[in-house]
Amino acid sequence: MDMGCYTMNCIRYLSSSNPISVLSASHDLHIPSSSPSNFVPNTDRGTIATLSLPNNVVATLNCNLGLPAYLGFIPRFPRVDVAVECEGGKVDMLNFVIPTIYHSIKVHVRDKTTRVEKAYRFENAGMNAKGEEWWSTYRYQLEAFVDRLKGRTPQTWVDVQDSVANMEWIEKIYAKTGIGSRPKSSYVPMSP
C-alpha cells in the first residue's frame, strides 16, 4: 500500500480521528511478468478498503499502482484525489500529494454554487509563513524537519504517535484483505 499511507493519513487528518474498524477490504495482487511458475504473490498492487469512523462517518480508501498505460505504453500519472461529502455540500481535492504539479480544491455548496480554490502556500501564517508556489511537499517536510532540529516550531509536524497509528490501520487493512502483515525487518543498526 505504497500510496495507501497517503490516503489513510488524509482520511485520518480530514476526519480528525482514527477509524473504529475496517468494514471491508480487497486487493489486487502484483504478479511480475517474469515470475516463475511456483511464485506465490504477496504484494498488493491495489487496495480498496471501507472504514468506519466516529460519528457514523464512513470512508473509502482506494489506491492502485497498476493503472493501465495510455495507448498501451504511455505511463499514467496516478490519480490522487479525495471527495468529502458534508451536510452542506461537497469538497473535492485533486492531487493533494503533489500539488506543485497541479491541484484544485472544488467546493460545491449544496443547491448553490461551485468554486475552485488553489493554495500553494500557507497564507495565514503571518510573518513566519514559509513556502513558494513551486515548493514540493517534500520541501515543506524538509523545512519542518530543519525547524524541529533548530528548536523552532514547524508549520506542520507529524509526530511519532500519528505515524504509528497510520501504520496500525494499514496493517488492519492488510489483515482484512488476507494478505497479512508485512514481514518485519531483521535490520539492527550498528552501534557507533
C-alpha atoms as a PDB file:
ATOM      1  CA  MET A   1       0.000   0.000   0.000  1.00  0.00           C
ATOM      2  CA  ASP A   2       2.619   2.492  -1.128  1.00  0.00           C
ATOM      3  CA  MET A   3       0.031   5.163  -1.873  1.00  0.00           C
ATOM      4  CA  GLY A   4      -2.204   3.821   0.894  1.00  0.00           C
ATOM      5  CA  CYS A   5      -0.205   5.602   3.588  1.00  0.00           C
ATOM      6  CA  TYR A   6      -1.125   8.957   1.992  1.00  0.00           C
ATOM      7  CA  THR A   7      -4.789   8.083   1.580  1.00  0.00           C
ATOM      8  CA  MET A   8      -5.034   6.664   5.112  1.00  0.00           C
ATOM      9  CA  ASN A   9      -3.360   9.751   6.541  1.00  0.00           C
ATOM     10  CA  CYS A  10      -5.697  12.023   4.558  1.00  0.00           C
ATOM     11  CA  ILE A  11      -8.760  10.203   5.906  1.00  0.00           C
ATOM     12  CA  ARG A  12      -7.454  10.443   9.464  1.00  0.00           C
ATOM     13  CA  TYR A  13      -6.459  14.099   9.048  1.00  0.00           C
ATOM     14  CA  LEU A  14      -9.724  15.277   7.475  1.00  0.00           C
ATOM     15  CA  SER A  15     -11.865  13.379   9.990  1.00  0.00           C
ATOM     16  CA  SER A  16      -9.648  14.370  12.953  1.00  0.00           C
ATOM     17  CA  SER A  17      -9.933  10.773  14.140  1.00  0.00           C
ATOM     18  CA  ASN A  18      -8.764   7.216  13.773  1.00  0.00           C
ATOM     19  CA  PRO A  19     -11.058   4.623  12.230  1.00  0.00           C
ATOM     20  CA  ILE A  20     -13.096   2.410  14.527  1.00  0.00           C
ATOM     21  CA  SER A  21     -12.975  -0.629  12.258  1.00  0.00           C
ATOM     22  CA  VAL A  22     -12.248  -1.903   8.764  1.00  0.00           C
ATOM     23  CA  LEU A  23     -15.669  -2.748   7.338  1.00  0.00           C
ATOM     24  CA  SER A  24     -14.362  -4.331   4.138  1.00  0.00           C
ATOM     25  CA  ALA A  25     -11.112  -4.598   2.215  1.00  0.00           C
ATOM     26  CA  SER A  26      -9.989  -6.151  -1.047  1.00  0.00           C
ATOM     27  CA  HIS A  27      -6.796  -6.130  -3.062  1.00  0.00           C
ATOM     28  CA  ASP A  28      -5.266  -6.843  -6.456  1.00  0.00           C
ATOM     29  CA  LEU A  29      -2.004  -8.742  -6.216  1.00  0.00           C
ATOM     30  CA  HIS A  30       1.083  -7.782  -8.182  1.00  0.00           C
ATOM     31  CA  ILE A  31       2.390 -10.668 -10.256  1.00  0.00           C
ATOM     32  CA  PRO A  32       5.609  -9.818 -12.125  1.00  0.00           C
ATOM     33  CA  SER A  33       5.598 -10.913 -15.771  1.00  0.00           C
ATOM     34  CA  SER A  34       8.905 -12.738 -15.292  1.00  0.00           C
ATOM     35  CA  SER A  35       7.823 -14.672 -12.199  1.00  0.00           C
ATOM     36  CA  PRO A  36       8.481 -18.434 -12.036  1.00  0.00           C
ATOM     37  CA  SER A  37       5.559 -20.866 -12.100  1.00  0.00           C
ATOM     38  CA  ASN A  38       5.899 -21.548  -8.352  1.00  0.00           C
ATOM     39  CA  PHE A  39       5.782 -17.812  -7.487  1.00  0.00           C
ATOM     40  CA  VAL A  40       3.415 -17.004  -4.603  1.00  0.00           C
ATOM     41  CA  PRO A  41       2.290 -13.367  -4.824  1.00  0.00           C
ATOM     42  CA  ASN A  42       2.036 -11.461  -1.547  1.00  0.00           C
ATOM     43  CA  THR A  43       2.394  -7.843  -2.654  1.00  0.00           C
ATOM     44  CA  ASP A  44      -0.635  -5.711  -3.370  1.00  0.00           C
ATOM     45  CA  ARG A  45      -0.805  -3.594  -6.495  1.00  0.00           C
ATOM     46  CA  GLY A  46      -4.084  -2.024  -5.478  1.00  0.00           C
ATOM     47  CA  THR A  47      -6.272  -1.938  -2.385  1.00  0.00           C
ATOM     48  CA  ILE A  48      -9.810  -0.774  -1.646  1.00  0.00           C
ATOM     49  CA  ALA A  49     -10.990  -0.529   1.956  1.00  0.00           C
ATOM     50  CA  THR A  50     -14.084   0.864   3.643  1.00  0.00           C
ATOM     51  CA  LEU A  51     -13.563   2.224   7.142  1.00  0.00           C
ATOM     52  CA  SER A  52     -15.949   3.062   9.942  1.00  0.00           C
ATOM     53  CA  LEU A  53     -15.101   6.313  11.751  1.00  0.00           C
ATOM     54  CA  PRO A  54     -16.625   8.027  14.804  1.00  0.00           C
ATOM     55  CA  ASN A  55     -19.991   9.814  14.465  1.00  0.00           C
ATOM     56  CA  ASN A  56     -21.308   7.338  11.860  1.00  0.00           C
ATOM     57  CA  VAL A  57     -18.815   8.513   9.235  1.00  0.00           C
ATOM     58  CA  VAL A  58     -17.746   6.038   6.553  1.00  0.00           C
ATOM     59  CA  ALA A  59     -14.629   6.487   4.418  1.00  0.00           C
ATOM     60  CA  THR A  60     -13.370   4.543   1.430  1.00  0.00           C
ATOM     61  CA  LEU A  61      -9.680   4.266   0.634  1.00  0.00           C
ATOM     62  CA  ASN A  62      -8.752   3.333  -2.944  1.00  0.00           C
ATOM     63  CA  CYS A  63      -5.131   3.147  -4.059  1.00  0.00           C
ATOM     64  CA  ASN A  64      -3.715   1.403  -7.107  1.00  0.00           C
ATOM     65  CA  LEU A  65      -0.233   1.470  -8.633  1.00  0.00           C
ATOM     66  CA  GLY A  66      -1.239  -0.806 -11.504  1.00  0.00           C
ATOM     67  CA  LEU A  67      -3.215   1.558 -13.709  1.00  0.00           C
ATOM     68  CA  PRO A  68      -3.019   0.578 -17.383  1.00  0.00           C
ATOM     69  CA  ALA A  69      -0.865   2.754 -19.643  1.00  0.00           C
ATOM     70  CA  TYR A  70      -2.398   5.101 -22.207  1.00  0.00           C
ATOM     71  CA  LEU A  71      -2.265   3.549 -25.668  1.00  0.00           C
ATOM     72  CA  GLY A  72      -0.531   0.589 -24.057  1.00  0.00           C
ATOM     73  CA  PHE A  73       2.827   2.314 -23.474  1.00  0.00           C
ATOM     74  CA  ILE A  74       2.438   5.852 -22.034  1.00  0.00           C
ATOM     75  CA  PRO A  75       2.557   5.668 -18.214  1.00  0.00           C
ATOM     76  CA  ARG A  76      -0.368   7.157 -16.346  1.00  0.00           C
ATOM     77  CA  PHE A  77       0.039   9.781 -13.695  1.00  0.00           C
ATOM     78  CA  PRO A  78      -1.506   8.350 -10.513  1.00  0.00           C
ATOM     79  CA  ARG A  79      -4.950   9.703  -9.684  1.00  0.00           C
ATOM     80  CA  VAL A  80      -4.721  11.214  -6.230  1.00  0.00           C
ATOM     81  CA  ASP A  81      -7.929  12.792  -5.079  1.00  0.00           C
ATOM     82  CA  VAL A  82     -10.339  12.950  -2.181  1.00  0.00           C
ATOM     83  CA  ALA A  83     -14.059  13.666  -2.039  1.00  0.00           C
ATOM     84  CA  VAL A  84     -15.693  14.698   1.223  1.00  0.00           C
ATOM     85  CA  GLU A  85     -19.488  14.695   1.479  1.00  0.00           C
ATOM     86  CA  CYS A  86     -20.769  17.139   4.099  1.00  0.00           C
ATOM     87  CA  GLU A  87     -24.220  18.245   5.248  1.00  0.00           C
ATOM     88  CA  GLY A  88     -23.930  21.498   3.334  1.00  0.00           C
ATOM     89  CA  GLY A  89     -22.278  20.181   0.191  1.00  0.00           C
ATOM     90  CA  LYS A  90     -19.126  18.500  -1.043  1.00  0.00           C
ATOM     91  CA  VAL A  91     -15.399  19.229  -1.281  1.00  0.00           C
ATOM     92  CA  ASP A  92     -13.221  17.626  -3.972  1.00  0.00           C
ATOM     93  CA  MET A  93      -9.445  17.840  -3.682  1.00  0.00           C
ATOM     94  CA  LEU A  94      -7.392  16.829  -6.704  1.00  0.00           C
ATOM     95  CA  ASN A  95      -3.737  15.875  -6.253  1.00  0.00           C
ATOM     96  CA  PHE A  96      -3.163  16.634  -2.574  1.00  0.00           C
ATOM     97  CA  VAL A  97       0.105  14.649  -2.589  1.00  0.00           C
ATOM     98  CA  ILE A  98       1.991  16.576  -5.315  1.00  0.00           C
ATOM     99  CA  PRO A  99       0.112  19.885  -5.513  1.00  0.00           C
ATOM    100  CA  THR A 100       3.034  21.739  -7.144  1.00  0.00           C
ATOM    101  CA  ILE A 101       2.386  19.872 -10.403  1.00  0.00           C
ATOM    102  CA  TYR A 102      -1.303  20.749 -10.414  1.00  0.00           C
ATOM    103  CA  HIS A 103      -4.095  20.714  -7.895  1.00  0.00           C
ATOM    104  CA  SER A 104      -7.525  22.076  -7.207  1.00  0.00           C
ATOM    105  CA  ILE A 105      -9.962  22.242  -4.344  1.00  0.00           C
ATOM    106  CA  LYS A 106     -13.582  22.403  -5.537  1.00  0.00           C
ATOM    107  CA  VAL A 107     -16.170  23.498  -3.015  1.00  0.00           C
ATOM    108  CA  HIS A 108     -19.725  22.563  -4.030  1.00  0.00           C
ATOM    109  CA  VAL A 109     -22.304  24.279  -1.808  1.00  0.00           C
ATOM    110  CA  ARG A 110     -25.474  22.178  -1.871  1.00  0.00           C
ATOM    111  CA  ASP A 111     -28.048  23.599  -4.292  1.00  0.00           C
ATOM    112  CA  LYS A 112     -25.927  26.695  -4.891  1.00  0.00           C
ATOM    113  CA  THR A 113     -22.514  27.339  -6.380  1.00  0.00           C
ATOM    114  CA  THR A 114     -19.211  25.657  -7.047  1.00  0.00           C
ATOM    115  CA  ARG A 115     -15.942  27.465  -6.588  1.00  0.00           C
ATOM    116  CA  VAL A 116     -12.380  26.364  -7.221  1.00  0.00           C
ATOM    117  CA  GLU A 117      -9.646  27.177  -4.716  1.00  0.00           C
ATOM    118  CA  LYS A 118      -5.905  26.958  -5.193  1.00  0.00           C
ATOM    119  CA  ALA A 119      -3.469  27.186  -2.322  1.00  0.00           C
ATOM    120  CA  TYR A 120       0.247  26.850  -2.945  1.00  0.00           C
ATOM    121  CA  ARG A 121       1.492  28.199   0.358  1.00  0.00           C
ATOM    122  CA  PHE A 122       0.352  28.969   3.891  1.00  0.00           C
ATOM    123  CA  GLU A 123      -1.153  32.445   3.565  1.00  0.00           C
ATOM    124  CA  ASN A 124      -2.451  32.774   7.131  1.00  0.00           C
ATOM    125  CA  ALA A 125       0.806  32.022   8.925  1.00  0.00           C
ATOM    126  CA  GLY A 126       1.813  35.673   9.305  1.00  0.00           C
ATOM    127  CA  MET A 127       5.440  36.757   9.280  1.00  0.00           C
ATOM    128  CA  ASN A 128       6.707  33.204   9.763  1.00  0.00           C
ATOM    129  CA  ALA A 129       4.983  31.903   6.622  1.00  0.00           C
ATOM    130  CA  LYS A 130       7.249  29.652   4.615  1.00  0.00           C
ATOM    131  CA  GLY A 131       6.874  28.447   1.117  1.00  0.00           C
ATOM    132  CA  GLU A 132       6.824  29.321  -2.518  1.00  0.00           C
ATOM    133  CA  GLU A 133       4.356  28.226  -5.173  1.00  0.00           C
ATOM    134  CA  TRP A 134       6.979  25.905  -6.667  1.00  0.00           C
ATOM    135  CA  TRP A 135       7.823  24.109  -3.384  1.00  0.00           C
ATOM    136  CA  SER A 136       7.008  20.409  -3.328  1.00  0.00           C
ATOM    137  CA  THR A 137       5.503  18.684  -0.323  1.00  0.00           C
ATOM    138  CA  TYR A 138       8.965  17.175   0.238  1.00  0.00           C
ATOM    139  CA  ARG A 139      10.421  20.680   0.548  1.00  0.00           C
ATOM    140  CA  TYR A 140       7.824  21.556   3.204  1.00  0.00           C
ATOM    141  CA  GLN A 141       8.738  18.326   5.044  1.00  0.00           C
ATOM    142  CA  LEU A 142      12.428  19.218   4.905  1.00  0.00           C
ATOM    143  CA  GLU A 143      11.745  22.739   6.208  1.00  0.00           C
ATOM    144  CA  ALA A 144       9.680  21.317   9.085  1.00  0.00           C
ATOM    145  CA  PHE A 145      12.467  18.867   9.920  1.00  0.00           C
ATOM    146  CA  VAL A 146      15.095  21.636   9.954  1.00  0.00           C
ATOM    147  CA  ASP A 147      12.829  23.845  12.105  1.00  0.00           C
ATOM    148  CA  ARG A 148      12.368  20.987  14.567  1.00  0.00           C
ATOM    149  CA  LEU A 149      16.136  20.320  14.743  1.00  0.00           C
ATOM    150  CA  LYS A 150      16.821  24.004  15.363  1.00  0.00           C
ATOM    151  CA  GLY A 151      14.239  24.186  18.162  1.00  0.00           C
ATOM    152  CA  ARG A 152      11.704  26.181  16.140  1.00  0.00           C
ATOM    153  CA  THR A 153       8.024  25.288  15.884  1.00  0.00           C
ATOM    154  CA  PRO A 154       7.338  23.816  12.429  1.00  0.00           C
ATOM    155  CA  GLN A 155       4.326  24.974  10.409  1.00  0.00           C
ATOM    156  CA  THR A 156       3.128  21.354  10.394  1.00  0.00           C
ATOM    157  CA  TRP A 157       4.558  18.321  12.168  1.00  0.00           C
ATOM    158  CA  VAL A 158       3.623  14.634  12.072  1.00  0.00           C
ATOM    159  CA  ASP A 159       4.548  13.097  15.409  1.00  0.00           C
ATOM    160  CA  VAL A 160       5.532   9.512  16.169  1.00  0.00           C
ATOM    161  CA  GLN A 161       2.103   8.564  17.519  1.00  0.00           C
ATOM    162  CA  ASP A 162       0.431   9.736  14.317  1.00  0.00           C
ATOM    163  CA  SER A 163       2.833   7.733  12.128  1.00  0.00           C
ATOM    164  CA  VAL A 164       2.376   4.616  14.254  1.00  0.00           C
ATOM    165  CA  ALA A 165      -1.432   4.954  14.177  1.00  0.00           C
ATOM    166  CA  ASN A 166      -1.328   5.295  10.391  1.00  0.00           C
ATOM    167  CA  MET A 167       0.689   2.075  10.052  1.00  0.00           C
ATOM    168  CA  GLU A 168      -1.524   0.231  12.543  1.00  0.00           C
ATOM    169  CA  TRP A 169      -4.575   0.947  10.396  1.00  0.00           C
ATOM    170  CA  ILE A 170      -2.746  -0.058   7.224  1.00  0.00           C
ATOM    171  CA  GLU A 171      -1.862  -3.346   8.958  1.00  0.00           C
ATOM    172  CA  LYS A 172      -5.537  -3.828   9.900  1.00  0.00           C
ATOM    173  CA  ILE A 173      -6.474  -3.371   6.241  1.00  0.00           C
ATOM    174  CA  TYR A 174      -3.832  -5.955   5.242  1.00  0.00           C
ATOM    175  CA  ALA A 175      -5.285  -8.348   7.815  1.00  0.00           C
ATOM    176  CA  LYS A 176      -8.802  -7.831   6.424  1.00  0.00           C
ATOM    177  CA  THR A 177      -7.653  -8.483   2.818  1.00  0.00           C
ATOM    178  CA  GLY A 178      -5.997 -11.730   3.875  1.00  0.00           C
ATOM    179  CA  ILE A 179      -2.516 -10.656   2.770  1.00  0.00           C
ATOM    180  CA  GLY A 180      -1.465 -10.296   6.399  1.00  0.00           C
ATOM    181  CA  SER A 181       1.246  -8.193   7.953  1.00  0.00           C
ATOM    182  CA  ARG A 182       4.346  -7.283   6.021  1.00  0.00           C
ATOM    183  CA  PRO A 183       7.435  -9.196   7.177  1.00  0.00           C
ATOM    184  CA  LYS A 184       9.320  -7.466   9.972  1.00  0.00           C
ATOM    185  CA  SER A 185      12.783  -6.221   9.154  1.00  0.00           C
ATOM    186  CA  SER A 186      15.719  -8.024  10.681  1.00  0.00           C
ATOM    187  CA  TYR A 187      17.835  -4.870  10.380  1.00  0.00           C
ATOM    188  CA  VAL A 188      19.689  -3.912  13.554  1.00  0.00           C
ATOM    189  CA  PRO A 189      21.691  -0.663  13.436  1.00  0.00           C
ATOM    190  CA  MET A 190      25.333  -0.946  14.312  1.00  0.00           C
ATOM    191  CA  SER A 191      26.424   0.867  17.428  1.00  0.00           C
ATOM    192  CA  PRO A 192      28.816   3.776  16.880  1.00  0.00           C
END
